[in-house]
Amino acid sequence: MLEGKTRIPPVDVETLPDDLREVLEEQRKLRGAPLYPYLFYARNPAYFRAAQGMWTALQQHTKRVPGTLRALLNRRVAWWNGCEF
């Protein structure tokens, strides 16, 4: 899947704790595959949980950006950072 794109291999999903596998499986159902950053975060379960908590908090508690514009803002920031969709 990511072969040749990164120098650090992603984690083997089957070796992860149940809670991390559930999150990655949910991403697979919603987006067709787990999100790349989370495959790397999962190499350290504590870091994975912290990153997940941060994004969850940002999605739930962001009041300055209306919910209808968050996805658009997310894509714009990703574009500025050179992320391809």
PDB file of N, CA and C in Angstrom:
ATOM      1  N   MET A   1       0.827  -1.195   0.000  1.00  0.00           N
ATOM      2  CA  MET A   1       0.000   0.000   0.000  1.00  0.00           C
ATOM      3  C   MET A   1       0.866   1.251   0.000  1.00  0.00           C
ATOM      4  N   LEU A   2       1.794   1.356   0.935  1.00  0.00           N
ATOM      5  CA  LEU A   2       2.642   2.540   1.008  1.00  0.00           C
ATOM      6  C   LEU A   2       4.064   2.258   0.549  1.00  0.00           C
ATOM      7  N   GLU A   3       4.302   1.088  -0.002  1.00  0.00           N
ATOM      8  CA  GLU A   3       5.642   0.673  -0.368  1.00  0.00           C
ATOM      9  C   GLU A   3       6.286   1.692  -1.294  1.00  0.00           C
ATOM     10  N   GLY A   4       7.487   2.109  -0.942  1.00  0.00           N
ATOM     11  CA  GLY A   4       8.216   3.062  -1.759  1.00  0.00           C
ATOM     12  C   GLY A   4       7.850   4.510  -1.523  1.00  0.00           C
ATOM     13  N   LYS A   5       6.859   4.801  -0.696  1.00  0.00           N
ATOM     14  CA  LYS A   5       6.436   6.188  -0.472  1.00  0.00           C
ATOM     15  C   LYS A   5       7.019   6.780   0.804  1.00  0.00           C
ATOM     16  N   THR A   6       7.365   5.938   1.753  1.00  0.00           N
ATOM     17  CA  THR A   6       7.925   6.434   3.011  1.00  0.00           C
ATOM     18  C   THR A   6       9.113   5.572   3.401  1.00  0.00           C
ATOM     19  N   ARG A   7       9.999   6.118   4.208  1.00  0.00           N
ATOM     20  CA  ARG A   7      11.141   5.318   4.652  1.00  0.00           C
ATOM     21  C   ARG A   7      10.841   4.578   5.943  1.00  0.00           C
ATOM     22  N   ILE A   8       9.761   4.924   6.616  1.00  0.00           N
ATOM     23  CA  ILE A   8       9.344   4.234   7.832  1.00  0.00           C
ATOM     24  C   ILE A   8       8.113   3.405   7.486  1.00  0.00           C
ATOM     25  N   PRO A   9       8.201   2.104   7.634  1.00  0.00           N
ATOM     26  CA  PRO A   9       7.031   1.287   7.277  1.00  0.00           C
ATOM     27  C   PRO A   9       5.885   1.489   8.260  1.00  0.00           C
ATOM     28  N   PRO A  10       4.651   1.423   7.778  1.00  0.00           N
ATOM     29  CA  PRO A  10       3.514   1.518   8.686  1.00  0.00           C
ATOM     30  C   PRO A  10       3.430   0.261   9.540  1.00  0.00           C
ATOM     31  N   VAL A  11       2.710   0.360  10.615  1.00  0.00           N
ATOM     32  CA  VAL A  11       2.559  -0.750  11.540  1.00  0.00           C
ATOM     33  C   VAL A  11       1.651  -1.824  10.941  1.00  0.00           C
ATOM     34  N   ASP A  12       1.842  -3.067  11.357  1.00  0.00           N
ATOM     35  CA  ASP A  12       0.950  -4.156  10.968  1.00  0.00           C
ATOM     36  C   ASP A  12      -0.302  -4.055  11.834  1.00  0.00           C
ATOM     37  N   VAL A  13      -1.426  -3.772  11.226  1.00  0.00           N
ATOM     38  CA  VAL A  13      -2.682  -3.520  11.942  1.00  0.00           C
ATOM     39  C   VAL A  13      -3.079  -4.704  12.813  1.00  0.00           C
ATOM     40  N   GLU A  14      -2.796  -5.908  12.374  1.00  0.00           N
ATOM     41  CA  GLU A  14      -3.194  -7.109  13.122  1.00  0.00           C
ATOM     42  C   GLU A  14      -2.490  -7.225  14.473  1.00  0.00           C
ATOM     43  N   THR A  15      -1.378  -6.538  14.667  1.00  0.00           N
ATOM     44  CA  THR A  15      -0.623  -6.633  15.924  1.00  0.00           C
ATOM     45  C   THR A  15      -1.029  -5.582  16.946  1.00  0.00           C
ATOM     46  N   LEU A  16      -1.969  -4.726  16.599  1.00  0.00           N
ATOM     47  CA  LEU A  16      -2.344  -3.596  17.465  1.00  0.00           C
ATOM     48  C   LEU A  16      -3.365  -3.994  18.522  1.00  0.00           C
ATOM     49  N   PRO A  17      -3.447  -3.206  19.614  1.00  0.00           N
ATOM     50  CA  PRO A  17      -4.511  -3.412  20.601  1.00  0.00           C
ATOM     51  C   PRO A  17      -5.884  -3.200  19.952  1.00  0.00           C
ATOM     52  N   ASP A  18      -6.896  -3.780  20.564  1.00  0.00           N
ATOM     53  CA  ASP A  18      -8.257  -3.743  20.004  1.00  0.00           C
ATOM     54  C   ASP A  18      -8.762  -2.339  19.718  1.00  0.00           C
ATOM     55  N   ASP A  19      -8.536  -1.388  20.643  1.00  0.00           N
ATOM     56  CA  ASP A  19      -9.082  -0.046  20.439  1.00  0.00           C
ATOM     57  C   ASP A  19      -8.475   0.641  19.222  1.00  0.00           C
ATOM     58  N   LEU A  20      -7.192   0.418  18.968  1.00  0.00           N
ATOM     59  CA  LEU A  20      -6.561   1.027  17.804  1.00  0.00           C
ATOM     60  C   LEU A  20      -7.057   0.375  16.518  1.00  0.00           C
ATOM     61  N   ARG A  21      -7.197  -0.943  16.531  1.00  0.00           N
ATOM     62  CA  ARG A  21      -7.711  -1.641  15.349  1.00  0.00           C
ATOM     63  C   ARG A  21      -9.128  -1.188  15.013  1.00  0.00           C
ATOM     64  N   GLU A  22      -9.942  -0.939  16.033  1.00  0.00           N
ATOM     65  CA  GLU A  22     -11.313  -0.473  15.794  1.00  0.00           C
ATOM     66  C   GLU A  22     -11.325   0.877  15.086  1.00  0.00           C
ATOM     67  N   VAL A  23     -10.458   1.776  15.520  1.00  0.00           N
ATOM     68  CA  VAL A  23     -10.385   3.100  14.895  1.00  0.00           C
ATOM     69  C   VAL A  23      -9.954   2.966  13.439  1.00  0.00           C
ATOM     70  N   LEU A  24      -8.934   2.157  13.193  1.00  0.00           N
ATOM     71  CA  LEU A  24      -8.452   1.985  11.822  1.00  0.00           C
ATOM     72  C   LEU A  24      -9.493   1.289  10.944  1.00  0.00           C
ATOM     73  N   GLU A  25     -10.231   0.359  11.520  1.00  0.00           N
ATOM     74  CA  GLU A  25     -11.292  -0.308  10.763  1.00  0.00           C
ATOM     75  C   GLU A  25     -12.420   0.673  10.428  1.00  0.00           C
ATOM     76  N   GLU A  26     -12.738   1.555  11.354  1.00  0.00           N
ATOM     77  CA  GLU A  26     -13.755   2.575  11.100  1.00  0.00           C
ATOM     78  C   GLU A  26     -13.302   3.499   9.962  1.00  0.00           C
ATOM     79  N   GLN A  27     -12.020   3.875   9.978  1.00  0.00           N
ATOM     80  CA  GLN A  27     -11.492   4.694   8.891  1.00  0.00           C
ATOM     81  C   GLN A  27     -11.583   3.949   7.566  1.00  0.00           C
ATOM     82  N   ARG A  28     -11.305   2.654   7.586  1.00  0.00           N
ATOM     83  CA  ARG A  28     -11.383   1.854   6.365  1.00  0.00           C
ATOM     84  C   ARG A  28     -12.815   1.845   5.818  1.00  0.00           C
ATOM     85  N   LYS A  29     -13.795   1.731   6.706  1.00  0.00           N
ATOM     86  CA  LYS A  29     -15.194   1.722   6.283  1.00  0.00           C
ATOM     87  C   LYS A  29     -15.610   3.076   5.713  1.00  0.00           C
ATOM     88  N   LEU A  30     -15.165   4.159   6.347  1.00  0.00           N
ATOM     89  CA  LEU A  30     -15.559   5.504   5.913  1.00  0.00           C
ATOM     90  C   LEU A  30     -14.806   5.977   4.680  1.00  0.00           C
ATOM     91  N   ARG A  31     -13.521   5.645   4.597  1.00  0.00           N
ATOM     92  CA  ARG A  31     -12.668   6.233   3.556  1.00  0.00           C
ATOM     93  C   ARG A  31     -12.042   5.218   2.603  1.00  0.00           C
ATOM     94  N   GLY A  32     -12.313   3.937   2.816  1.00  0.00           N
ATOM     95  CA  GLY A  32     -11.763   2.915   1.935  1.00  0.00           C
ATOM     96  C   GLY A  32     -10.446   2.336   2.390  1.00  0.00           C
ATOM     97  N   ALA A  33      -9.731   3.043   3.262  1.00  0.00           N
ATOM     98  CA  ALA A  33      -8.451   2.588   3.802  1.00  0.00           C
ATOM     99  C   ALA A  33      -8.151   3.416   5.044  1.00  0.00           C
ATOM    100  N   PRO A  34      -7.334   2.885   5.959  1.00  0.00           N
ATOM    101  CA  PRO A  34      -6.939   3.697   7.113  1.00  0.00           C
ATOM    102  C   PRO A  34      -6.133   4.910   6.644  1.00  0.00           C
ATOM    103  N   LEU A  35      -6.266   5.998   7.350  1.00  0.00           N
ATOM    104  CA  LEU A  35      -5.511   7.205   7.007  1.00  0.00           C
ATOM    105  C   LEU A  35      -4.024   6.976   7.292  1.00  0.00           C
ATOM    106  N   TYR A  36      -3.170   7.364   6.347  1.00  0.00           N
ATOM    107  CA  TYR A  36      -1.741   7.116   6.473  1.00  0.00           C
ATOM    108  C   TYR A  36      -1.138   7.587   7.793  1.00  0.00           C
ATOM    109  N   PRO A  37      -1.418   8.820   8.229  1.00  0.00           N
ATOM    110  CA  PRO A  37      -0.786   9.267   9.476  1.00  0.00           C
ATOM    111  C   PRO A  37      -1.091   8.342  10.661  1.00  0.00           C
ATOM    112  N   TYR A  38      -2.308   7.819  10.703  1.00  0.00           N
ATOM    113  CA  TYR A  38      -2.680   6.966  11.825  1.00  0.00           C
ATOM    114  C   TYR A  38      -1.942   5.634  11.802  1.00  0.00           C
ATOM    115  N   LEU A  39      -1.544   5.169  10.623  1.00  0.00           N
ATOM    116  CA  LEU A  39      -0.740   3.948  10.549  1.00  0.00           C
ATOM    117  C   LEU A  39       0.640   4.161  11.154  1.00  0.00           C
ATOM    118  N   PHE A  40       1.123   5.381  11.098  1.00  0.00           N
ATOM    119  CA  PHE A  40       2.416   5.690  11.709  1.00  0.00           C
ATOM    120  C   PHE A  40       2.253   6.024  13.187  1.00  0.00           C
ATOM    121  N   TYR A  41       1.195   6.756  13.538  1.00  0.00           N
ATOM    122  CA  TYR A  41       0.925   7.033  14.947  1.00  0.00           C
ATOM    123  C   TYR A  41       0.787   5.725  15.725  1.00  0.00           C
ATOM    124  N   ALA A  42       0.220   4.709  15.078  1.00  0.00           N
ATOM    125  CA  ALA A  42      -0.060   3.439  15.748  1.00  0.00           C
ATOM    126  C   ALA A  42       1.207   2.697  16.143  1.00  0.00           C
ATOM    127  N   ARG A  43       2.354   3.100  15.654  1.00  0.00           N
ATOM    128  CA  ARG A  43       3.607   2.467  16.072  1.00  0.00           C
ATOM    129  C   ARG A  43       3.836   2.700  17.564  1.00  0.00           C
ATOM    130  N   ASN A  44       3.213   3.753  18.097  1.00  0.00           N
ATOM    131  CA  ASN A  44       3.264   4.047  19.531  1.00  0.00           C
ATOM    132  C   ASN A  44       1.819   4.275  19.982  1.00  0.00           C
ATOM    133  N   PRO A  45       1.194   3.276  20.621  1.00  0.00           N
ATOM    134  CA  PRO A  45      -0.224   3.394  20.987  1.00  0.00           C
ATOM    135  C   PRO A  45      -0.570   4.641  21.799  1.00  0.00           C
ATOM    136  N   ALA A  46       0.299   5.065  22.702  1.00  0.00           N
ATOM    137  CA  ALA A  46       0.013   6.266  23.494  1.00  0.00           C
ATOM    138  C   ALA A  46      -0.048   7.496  22.588  1.00  0.00           C
ATOM    139  N   TYR A  47       0.844   7.585  21.634  1.00  0.00           N
ATOM    140  CA  TYR A  47       0.846   8.706  20.694  1.00  0.00           C
ATOM    141  C   TYR A  47      -0.405   8.670  19.818  1.00  0.00           C
ATOM    142  N   PHE A  48      -0.784   7.473  19.381  1.00  0.00           N
ATOM    143  CA  PHE A  48      -1.989   7.293  18.573  1.00  0.00           C
ATOM    144  C   PHE A  48      -3.201   7.821  19.325  1.00  0.00           C
ATOM    145  N   ARG A  49      -3.340   7.407  20.581  1.00  0.00           N
ATOM    146  CA  ARG A  49      -4.496   7.831  21.383  1.00  0.00           C
ATOM    147  C   ARG A  49      -4.485   9.335  21.614  1.00  0.00           C
ATOM    148  N   ALA A  50      -3.297   9.907  21.812  1.00  0.00           N
ATOM    149  CA  ALA A  50      -3.193  11.350  22.022  1.00  0.00           C
ATOM    150  C   ALA A  50      -3.597  12.111  20.754  1.00  0.00           C
ATOM    151  N   ALA A  51      -3.114  11.662  19.598  1.00  0.00           N
ATOM    152  CA  ALA A  51      -3.458  12.318  18.331  1.00  0.00           C
ATOM    153  C   ALA A  51      -4.957  12.191  18.067  1.00  0.00           C
ATOM    154  N   GLN A  52      -5.507  11.027  18.322  1.00  0.00           N
ATOM    155  CA  GLN A  52      -6.941  10.821  18.126  1.00  0.00           C
ATOM    156  C   GLN A  52      -7.742  11.740  19.051  1.00  0.00           C
ATOM    157  N   GLY A  53      -7.320  11.855  20.299  1.00  0.00           N
ATOM    158  CA  GLY A  53      -8.001  12.735  21.246  1.00  0.00           C
ATOM    159  C   GLY A  53      -7.941  14.193  20.821  1.00  0.00           C
ATOM    160  N   MET A  54      -6.778  14.602  20.300  1.00  0.00           N
ATOM    161  CA  MET A  54      -6.628  15.982  19.848  1.00  0.00           C
ATOM    162  C   MET A  54      -7.591  16.278  18.694  1.00  0.00           C
ATOM    163  N   TRP A  55      -7.634  15.398  17.683  1.00  0.00           N
ATOM    164  CA  TRP A  55      -8.507  15.635  16.530  1.00  0.00           C
ATOM    165  C   TRP A  55      -9.969  15.555  16.926  1.00  0.00           C
ATOM    166  N   THR A  56     -10.308  14.665  17.840  1.00  0.00           N
ATOM    167  CA  THR A  56     -11.687  14.572  18.309  1.00  0.00           C
ATOM    168  C   THR A  56     -12.092  15.865  19.006  1.00  0.00           C
ATOM    169  N   ALA A  57     -11.209  16.367  19.878  1.00  0.00           N
ATOM    170  CA  ALA A  57     -11.503  17.615  20.590  1.00  0.00           C
ATOM    171  C   ALA A  57     -11.646  18.777  19.620  1.00  0.00           C
ATOM    172  N   LEU A  58     -10.780  18.844  18.633  1.00  0.00           N
ATOM    173  CA  LEU A  58     -10.868  19.933  17.660  1.00  0.00           C
ATOM    174  C   LEU A  58     -12.175  19.873  16.874  1.00  0.00           C
ATOM    175  N   GLN A  59     -12.605  18.687  16.527  1.00  0.00           N
ATOM    176  CA  GLN A  59     -13.848  18.546  15.763  1.00  0.00           C
ATOM    177  C   GLN A  59     -15.064  18.881  16.611  1.00  0.00           C
ATOM    178  N   GLN A  60     -15.041  18.523  17.875  1.00  0.00           N
ATOM    179  CA  GLN A  60     -16.210  18.708  18.727  1.00  0.00           C
ATOM    180  C   GLN A  60     -16.283  20.077  19.381  1.00  0.00           C
ATOM    181  N   HIS A  61     -15.143  20.681  19.643  1.00  0.00           N
ATOM    182  CA  HIS A  61     -15.133  21.896  20.458  1.00  0.00           C
ATOM    183  C   HIS A  61     -14.738  23.155  19.691  1.00  0.00           C
ATOM    184  N   THR A  62     -14.590  23.057  18.399  1.00  0.00           N
ATOM    185  CA  THR A  62     -14.244  24.231  17.613  1.00  0.00           C
ATOM    186  C   THR A  62     -15.499  25.064  17.406  1.00  0.00           C
ATOM    187  N   LYS A  63     -15.506  26.249  17.961  1.00  0.00           N
ATOM    188  CA  LYS A  63     -16.676  27.109  17.858  1.00  0.00           C
ATOM    189  C   LYS A  63     -16.451  28.284  16.897  1.00  0.00           C
ATOM    190  N   ARG A  64     -15.185  28.572  16.602  1.00  0.00           N
ATOM    191  CA  ARG A  64     -14.905  29.718  15.744  1.00  0.00           C
ATOM    192  C   ARG A  64     -15.177  29.430  14.279  1.00  0.00           C
ATOM    193  N   VAL A  65     -15.158  28.148  13.909  1.00  0.00           N
ATOM    194  CA  VAL A  65     -15.427  27.763  12.521  1.00  0.00           C
ATOM    195  C   VAL A  65     -16.728  26.974  12.501  1.00  0.00           C
ATOM    196  N   PRO A  66     -17.723  27.434  11.764  1.00  0.00           N
ATOM    197  CA  PRO A  66     -18.983  26.698  11.697  1.00  0.00           C
ATOM    198  C   PRO A  66     -18.766  25.275  11.172  1.00  0.00           C
ATOM    199  N   GLY A  67     -19.541  24.347  11.678  1.00  0.00           N
ATOM    200  CA  GLY A  67     -19.413  22.949  11.295  1.00  0.00           C
ATOM    201  C   GLY A  67     -19.481  22.718   9.797  1.00  0.00           C
ATOM    202  N   THR A  68     -20.284  23.518   9.121  1.00  0.00           N
ATOM    203  CA  THR A  68     -20.443  23.343   7.678  1.00  0.00           C
ATOM    204  C   THR A  68     -19.183  23.734   6.900  1.00  0.00           C
ATOM    205  N   LEU A  69     -18.295  24.509   7.512  1.00  0.00           N
ATOM    206  CA  LEU A  69     -17.084  24.954   6.814  1.00  0.00           C
ATOM    207  C   LEU A  69     -15.822  24.206   7.247  1.00  0.00           C
ATOM    208  N   ARG A  70     -15.896  23.357   8.272  1.00  0.00           N
ATOM    209  CA  ARG A  70     -14.697  22.685   8.790  1.00  0.00           C
ATOM    210  C   ARG A  70     -14.013  21.811   7.763  1.00  0.00           C
ATOM    211  N   ALA A  71     -14.783  21.043   6.994  1.00  0.00           N
ATOM    212  CA  ALA A  71     -14.173  20.170   5.984  1.00  0.00           C
ATOM    213  C   ALA A  71     -13.460  21.004   4.921  1.00  0.00           C
ATOM    214  N   LEU A  72     -14.074  22.103   4.504  1.00  0.00           N
ATOM    215  CA  LEU A  72     -13.458  22.974   3.517  1.00  0.00           C
ATOM    216  C   LEU A  72     -12.166  23.576   4.069  1.00  0.00           C
ATOM    217  N   LEU A  73     -12.185  24.023   5.300  1.00  0.00           N
ATOM    218  CA  LEU A  73     -10.995  24.576   5.936  1.00  0.00           C
ATOM    219  C   LEU A  73      -9.902  23.509   6.049  1.00  0.00           C
ATOM    220  N   ASN A  74     -10.294  22.298   6.410  1.00  0.00           N
ATOM    221  CA  ASN A  74      -9.343  21.200   6.517  1.00  0.00           C
ATOM    222  C   ASN A  74      -8.644  20.972   5.178  1.00  0.00           C
ATOM    223  N   ARG A  75      -9.409  20.961   4.081  1.00  0.00           N
ATOM    224  CA  ARG A  75      -8.833  20.739   2.751  1.00  0.00           C
ATOM    225  C   ARG A  75      -7.911  21.884   2.346  1.00  0.00           C
ATOM    226  N   ARG A  76      -8.290  23.094   2.703  1.00  0.00           N
ATOM    227  CA  ARG A  76      -7.470  24.251   2.344  1.00  0.00           C
ATOM    228  C   ARG A  76      -6.122  24.202   3.072  1.00  0.00           C
ATOM    229  N   VAL A  77      -6.144  23.905   4.339  1.00  0.00           N
ATOM    230  CA  VAL A  77      -4.898  23.808   5.109  1.00  0.00           C
ATOM    231  C   VAL A  77      -4.046  22.660   4.575  1.00  0.00           C
ATOM    232  N   ALA A  78      -4.679  21.537   4.253  1.00  0.00           N
ATOM    233  CA  ALA A  78      -3.943  20.412   3.675  1.00  0.00           C
ATOM    234  C   ALA A  78      -3.286  20.830   2.361  1.00  0.00           C
ATOM    235  N   TRP A  79      -3.999  21.576   1.539  1.00  0.00           N
ATOM    236  CA  TRP A  79      -3.440  22.051   0.272  1.00  0.00           C
ATOM    237  C   TRP A  79      -2.236  22.947   0.508  1.00  0.00           C
ATOM    238  N   TRP A  80      -2.342  23.854   1.478  1.00  0.00           N
ATOM    239  CA  TRP A  80      -1.201  24.723   1.807  1.00  0.00           C
ATOM    240  C   TRP A  80       0.016  23.908   2.217  1.00  0.00           C
ATOM    241  N   ASN A  81      -0.239  22.781   2.878  1.00  0.00           N
ATOM    242  CA  ASN A  81       0.863  21.924   3.351  1.00  0.00           C
ATOM    243  C   ASN A  81       1.316  20.920   2.298  1.00  0.00           C
ATOM    244  N   GLY A  82       0.750  21.003   1.101  1.00  0.00           N
ATOM    245  CA  GLY A  82       1.186  20.132   0.016  1.00  0.00           C
ATOM    246  C   GLY A  82       0.608  18.730   0.065  1.00  0.00           C
ATOM    247  N   CYS A  83      -0.478  18.551   0.792  1.00  0.00           N
ATOM    248  CA  CYS A  83      -1.119  17.236   0.892  1.00  0.00           C
ATOM    249  C   CYS A  83      -2.004  17.021  -0.323  1.00  0.00           C
ATOM    250  N   GLU A  84      -1.852  15.873  -0.969  1.00  0.00           N
ATOM    251  CA  GLU A  84      -2.673  15.559  -2.137  1.00  0.00           C
ATOM    252  C   GLU A  84      -3.876  14.750  -1.718  1.00  0.00           C
ATOM    253  N   PHE A  85      -5.025  14.997  -2.354  1.00  0.00           N
ATOM    254  CA  PHE A  85      -6.235  14.228  -2.083  1.00  0.00           C
ATOM    255  C   PHE A  85      -6.624  13.487  -3.327  1.00  0.00           C
TER     256      PHE A  85
END
